[in-house]
């Protein structure tokens, strides 16, 4: 379940998304930021409880590179959807 989304005030993109699960008291956060021209995940952390113990994990993402096989449309700005005609 999404518990919180923090929006960057300059880009209006998410800078952090927090989540929780009903199973194992799980919770965590994924952080985002600008890397070169792209807005990407920069890190994540999570914790869960199992068999009376809590386990914590932390990940950092660095050296982002996208596969050359991705089509150019992957990085193109989205086009707005057409506006339906107004009845009348």
N, C-alpha and C. Protein backbone atom coordinates (compact mmCIF):
# COMPACT_ATOMS: atom_id res chain seq x y z
N UNK A 1 0.84 -1.16 0.00
CA UNK A 1 0.00 0.00 0.00
C UNK A 1 0.90 1.23 0.00
N UNK A 2 0.59 2.19 -0.83
CA UNK A 2 1.30 3.46 -0.86
C UNK A 2 0.90 4.25 0.38
N UNK A 3 1.87 4.72 1.14
CA UNK A 3 1.55 5.46 2.36
C UNK A 3 1.87 6.94 2.26
N UNK A 4 2.79 7.29 1.36
CA UNK A 4 3.13 8.71 1.22
C UNK A 4 3.88 8.91 -0.08
N UNK A 5 3.63 10.03 -0.72
CA UNK A 5 4.39 10.44 -1.90
C UNK A 5 4.85 11.87 -1.65
N UNK A 6 6.15 12.09 -1.76
CA UNK A 6 6.72 13.42 -1.59
C UNK A 6 7.08 13.94 -2.97
N UNK A 7 6.59 15.13 -3.30
CA UNK A 7 6.78 15.71 -4.63
C UNK A 7 7.85 16.79 -4.57
N UNK A 8 8.80 16.74 -5.51
CA UNK A 8 9.83 17.77 -5.63
C UNK A 8 9.18 19.06 -6.10
N UNK A 9 9.43 20.15 -5.40
CA UNK A 9 8.77 21.42 -5.69
C UNK A 9 9.24 22.11 -6.96
N UNK A 10 10.38 21.72 -7.50
CA UNK A 10 10.87 22.35 -8.73
C UNK A 10 10.45 21.59 -9.98
N UNK A 11 10.45 20.27 -9.89
CA UNK A 11 10.15 19.45 -11.07
C UNK A 11 8.74 18.89 -11.06
N UNK A 12 8.11 18.89 -9.89
CA UNK A 12 6.78 18.29 -9.69
C UNK A 12 6.78 16.79 -9.95
N UNK A 13 7.95 16.17 -9.81
CA UNK A 13 8.10 14.73 -9.91
C UNK A 13 8.28 14.16 -8.50
N UNK A 14 8.00 12.88 -8.30
CA UNK A 14 8.15 12.32 -6.95
C UNK A 14 9.62 12.27 -6.53
N UNK A 15 9.90 12.72 -5.32
CA UNK A 15 11.26 12.59 -4.78
C UNK A 15 11.35 11.41 -3.83
N UNK A 16 10.19 10.94 -3.34
CA UNK A 16 10.17 9.75 -2.48
C UNK A 16 8.76 9.17 -2.50
N UNK A 17 8.71 7.85 -2.49
CA UNK A 17 7.43 7.14 -2.40
C UNK A 17 7.59 6.10 -1.28
N UNK A 18 6.74 6.23 -0.27
CA UNK A 18 6.79 5.29 0.86
C UNK A 18 5.67 4.26 0.71
N UNK A 19 5.93 3.06 1.22
CA UNK A 19 4.96 1.99 1.10
C UNK A 19 4.98 1.13 2.35
N UNK A 20 3.93 0.34 2.53
CA UNK A 20 3.83 -0.61 3.63
C UNK A 20 3.06 -1.83 3.15
N UNK A 21 3.30 -2.94 3.81
CA UNK A 21 2.56 -4.16 3.51
C UNK A 21 1.90 -4.66 4.79
N UNK A 22 0.80 -5.34 4.64
CA UNK A 22 0.14 -5.91 5.82
C UNK A 22 0.88 -7.16 6.29
N UNK A 23 1.60 -7.79 5.41
CA UNK A 23 2.36 -8.98 5.77
C UNK A 23 3.70 -8.59 6.39
N UNK A 24 4.05 -9.21 7.48
CA UNK A 24 5.37 -9.06 8.09
C UNK A 24 5.73 -7.63 8.50
N UNK A 25 4.74 -6.80 8.72
CA UNK A 25 4.99 -5.41 9.14
C UNK A 25 5.99 -4.73 8.20
N UNK A 26 5.89 -5.03 6.91
CA UNK A 26 6.83 -4.48 5.94
C UNK A 26 6.58 -3.01 5.67
N UNK A 27 7.68 -2.29 5.45
CA UNK A 27 7.57 -0.88 5.07
C UNK A 27 8.86 -0.47 4.39
N UNK A 28 8.80 0.62 3.63
CA UNK A 28 9.99 1.08 2.95
C UNK A 28 9.76 2.36 2.18
N UNK A 29 10.80 2.79 1.49
CA UNK A 29 10.74 4.02 0.70
C UNK A 29 11.67 3.87 -0.50
N UNK A 30 11.23 4.42 -1.63
CA UNK A 30 12.06 4.52 -2.83
C UNK A 30 12.28 6.00 -3.07
N UNK A 31 13.54 6.42 -3.21
CA UNK A 31 13.87 7.82 -3.43
C UNK A 31 14.26 8.04 -4.89
N UNK A 32 13.91 9.22 -5.40
CA UNK A 32 14.15 9.57 -6.80
C UNK A 32 14.91 10.89 -6.88
N UNK A 33 15.62 11.08 -7.97
CA UNK A 33 16.33 12.34 -8.19
C UNK A 33 16.83 12.44 -9.61
N UNK A 34 17.38 13.60 -9.91
CA UNK A 34 17.90 13.85 -11.25
C UNK A 34 19.30 13.27 -11.38
N UNK A 35 19.49 12.47 -12.41
CA UNK A 35 20.80 11.93 -12.74
C UNK A 35 21.01 12.26 -14.22
N UNK A 36 21.89 13.21 -14.49
CA UNK A 36 22.02 13.69 -15.86
C UNK A 36 20.69 14.32 -16.27
N UNK A 37 20.22 14.01 -17.45
CA UNK A 37 18.94 14.58 -17.89
C UNK A 37 17.72 13.80 -17.39
N UNK A 38 17.93 12.71 -16.67
CA UNK A 38 16.83 11.81 -16.32
C UNK A 38 16.44 11.90 -14.85
N UNK A 39 15.18 11.62 -14.54
CA UNK A 39 14.67 11.50 -13.18
C UNK A 39 14.52 10.01 -12.91
N UNK A 40 15.33 9.47 -12.01
CA UNK A 40 15.38 8.03 -11.81
C UNK A 40 15.43 7.69 -10.32
N UNK A 41 15.24 6.42 -10.02
CA UNK A 41 15.39 5.95 -8.64
C UNK A 41 16.85 6.08 -8.24
N UNK A 42 17.10 6.64 -7.05
CA UNK A 42 18.46 6.81 -6.56
C UNK A 42 18.76 5.91 -5.37
N UNK A 43 17.73 5.39 -4.73
CA UNK A 43 17.94 4.51 -3.60
C UNK A 43 16.63 3.96 -3.08
N UNK A 44 16.73 2.92 -2.29
CA UNK A 44 15.54 2.30 -1.70
C UNK A 44 15.93 1.68 -0.37
N UNK A 45 14.98 1.66 0.54
CA UNK A 45 15.20 0.96 1.80
C UNK A 45 13.88 0.29 2.18
N UNK A 46 14.00 -0.83 2.87
CA UNK A 46 12.82 -1.58 3.29
C UNK A 46 13.14 -2.36 4.55
N UNK A 47 12.11 -2.64 5.31
CA UNK A 47 12.26 -3.50 6.48
C UNK A 47 11.02 -4.37 6.60
N UNK A 48 11.22 -5.54 7.18
CA UNK A 48 10.11 -6.47 7.41
C UNK A 48 10.45 -7.31 8.63
N UNK A 49 9.41 -7.81 9.27
CA UNK A 49 9.60 -8.61 10.47
C UNK A 49 9.17 -10.05 10.17
N UNK A 50 10.03 -10.98 10.55
CA UNK A 50 9.72 -12.39 10.35
C UNK A 50 10.39 -13.20 11.46
N UNK A 51 9.65 -14.12 11.98
CA UNK A 51 10.14 -15.00 13.05
C UNK A 51 10.75 -14.21 14.20
N UNK A 52 10.08 -13.10 14.57
CA UNK A 52 10.50 -12.30 15.71
C UNK A 52 11.69 -11.39 15.47
N UNK A 53 12.19 -11.34 14.22
CA UNK A 53 13.33 -10.49 13.91
C UNK A 53 12.99 -9.51 12.80
N UNK A 54 13.56 -8.33 12.86
CA UNK A 54 13.39 -7.35 11.80
C UNK A 54 14.61 -7.37 10.89
N UNK A 55 14.35 -7.40 9.60
CA UNK A 55 15.42 -7.36 8.60
C UNK A 55 15.33 -6.05 7.84
N UNK A 56 16.44 -5.37 7.69
CA UNK A 56 16.51 -4.11 6.96
C UNK A 56 17.38 -4.28 5.72
N UNK A 57 16.95 -3.66 4.64
CA UNK A 57 17.73 -3.67 3.39
C UNK A 57 17.83 -2.25 2.87
N UNK A 58 18.99 -1.89 2.31
CA UNK A 58 19.19 -0.60 1.68
C UNK A 58 19.89 -0.81 0.34
N UNK A 59 19.40 -0.13 -0.67
CA UNK A 59 19.99 -0.21 -2.01
C UNK A 59 20.32 1.19 -2.48
N UNK A 60 21.44 1.34 -3.16
CA UNK A 60 21.80 2.60 -3.81
C UNK A 60 21.97 2.32 -5.29
N UNK A 61 21.49 3.23 -6.10
CA UNK A 61 21.60 3.08 -7.54
C UNK A 61 22.56 4.14 -8.06
N UNK A 62 23.54 3.73 -8.85
CA UNK A 62 24.53 4.66 -9.38
C UNK A 62 24.88 4.26 -10.81
N UNK A 63 25.52 5.17 -11.51
CA UNK A 63 25.98 4.93 -12.88
C UNK A 63 24.84 4.49 -13.79
N UNK A 64 23.74 5.22 -13.72
CA UNK A 64 22.60 4.88 -14.57
C UNK A 64 23.00 4.93 -16.03
N UNK A 65 22.70 3.86 -16.75
CA UNK A 65 22.87 3.80 -18.19
C UNK A 65 21.70 3.02 -18.76
N UNK A 66 21.11 3.53 -19.81
CA UNK A 66 20.00 2.85 -20.44
C UNK A 66 20.51 2.03 -21.61
N UNK A 67 19.93 0.85 -21.85
CA UNK A 67 20.38 0.03 -22.97
C UNK A 67 20.22 0.75 -24.30
N UNK A 68 21.20 0.62 -25.16
CA UNK A 68 21.15 1.24 -26.49
C UNK A 68 20.00 0.70 -27.32
N UNK A 69 19.48 -0.47 -26.95
CA UNK A 69 18.40 -1.09 -27.72
C UNK A 69 17.05 -0.41 -27.49
N UNK A 70 16.94 0.48 -26.49
CA UNK A 70 15.66 1.15 -26.28
C UNK A 70 15.36 2.09 -27.44
N UNK A 71 14.12 2.10 -27.93
CA UNK A 71 13.79 2.99 -29.04
C UNK A 71 13.80 4.45 -28.58
N UNK A 72 14.09 5.38 -29.48
CA UNK A 72 14.11 6.81 -29.13
C UNK A 72 12.80 7.29 -28.50
N UNK A 73 11.68 6.66 -28.86
CA UNK A 73 10.39 7.08 -28.31
C UNK A 73 10.33 6.90 -26.79
N UNK A 74 11.20 6.05 -26.24
CA UNK A 74 11.25 5.85 -24.79
C UNK A 74 11.52 7.17 -24.08
N UNK A 75 12.31 8.04 -24.70
CA UNK A 75 12.75 9.27 -24.06
C UNK A 75 12.07 10.51 -24.61
N UNK A 76 11.11 10.34 -25.51
CA UNK A 76 10.40 11.48 -26.08
C UNK A 76 9.32 11.97 -25.12
N UNK A 77 9.07 13.26 -25.16
CA UNK A 77 8.00 13.81 -24.33
C UNK A 77 6.66 13.22 -24.76
N UNK A 78 5.83 12.93 -23.79
CA UNK A 78 4.51 12.38 -24.10
C UNK A 78 3.64 13.42 -24.79
N UNK A 79 2.83 12.94 -25.72
CA UNK A 79 1.89 13.83 -26.39
C UNK A 79 0.59 13.82 -25.62
N UNK A 80 -0.08 14.97 -25.51
CA UNK A 80 -1.36 14.99 -24.78
C UNK A 80 -2.41 14.18 -25.52
N UNK A 81 -3.33 13.63 -24.76
CA UNK A 81 -4.45 12.91 -25.36
C UNK A 81 -5.37 13.89 -26.06
N UNK A 82 -6.05 13.46 -27.12
CA UNK A 82 -6.99 14.36 -27.79
C UNK A 82 -8.16 14.69 -26.87
N UNK A 83 -8.63 15.92 -27.00
CA UNK A 83 -9.78 16.36 -26.20
C UNK A 83 -11.05 15.94 -26.94
N UNK A 84 -11.96 15.21 -26.26
CA UNK A 84 -13.20 14.81 -26.94
C UNK A 84 -14.06 16.02 -27.26
N UNK A 85 -14.81 15.97 -28.36
CA UNK A 85 -15.67 17.10 -28.72
C UNK A 85 -16.76 17.31 -27.67
N UNK A 86 -17.11 18.56 -27.48
CA UNK A 86 -18.17 18.91 -26.54
C UNK A 86 -19.51 18.69 -27.21
N UNK A 87 -20.42 17.94 -26.55
CA UNK A 87 -21.74 17.73 -27.16
C UNK A 87 -22.51 19.04 -27.25
N UNK A 88 -23.28 19.14 -28.28
CA UNK A 88 -24.16 20.29 -28.33
C UNK A 88 -24.10 21.05 -29.53
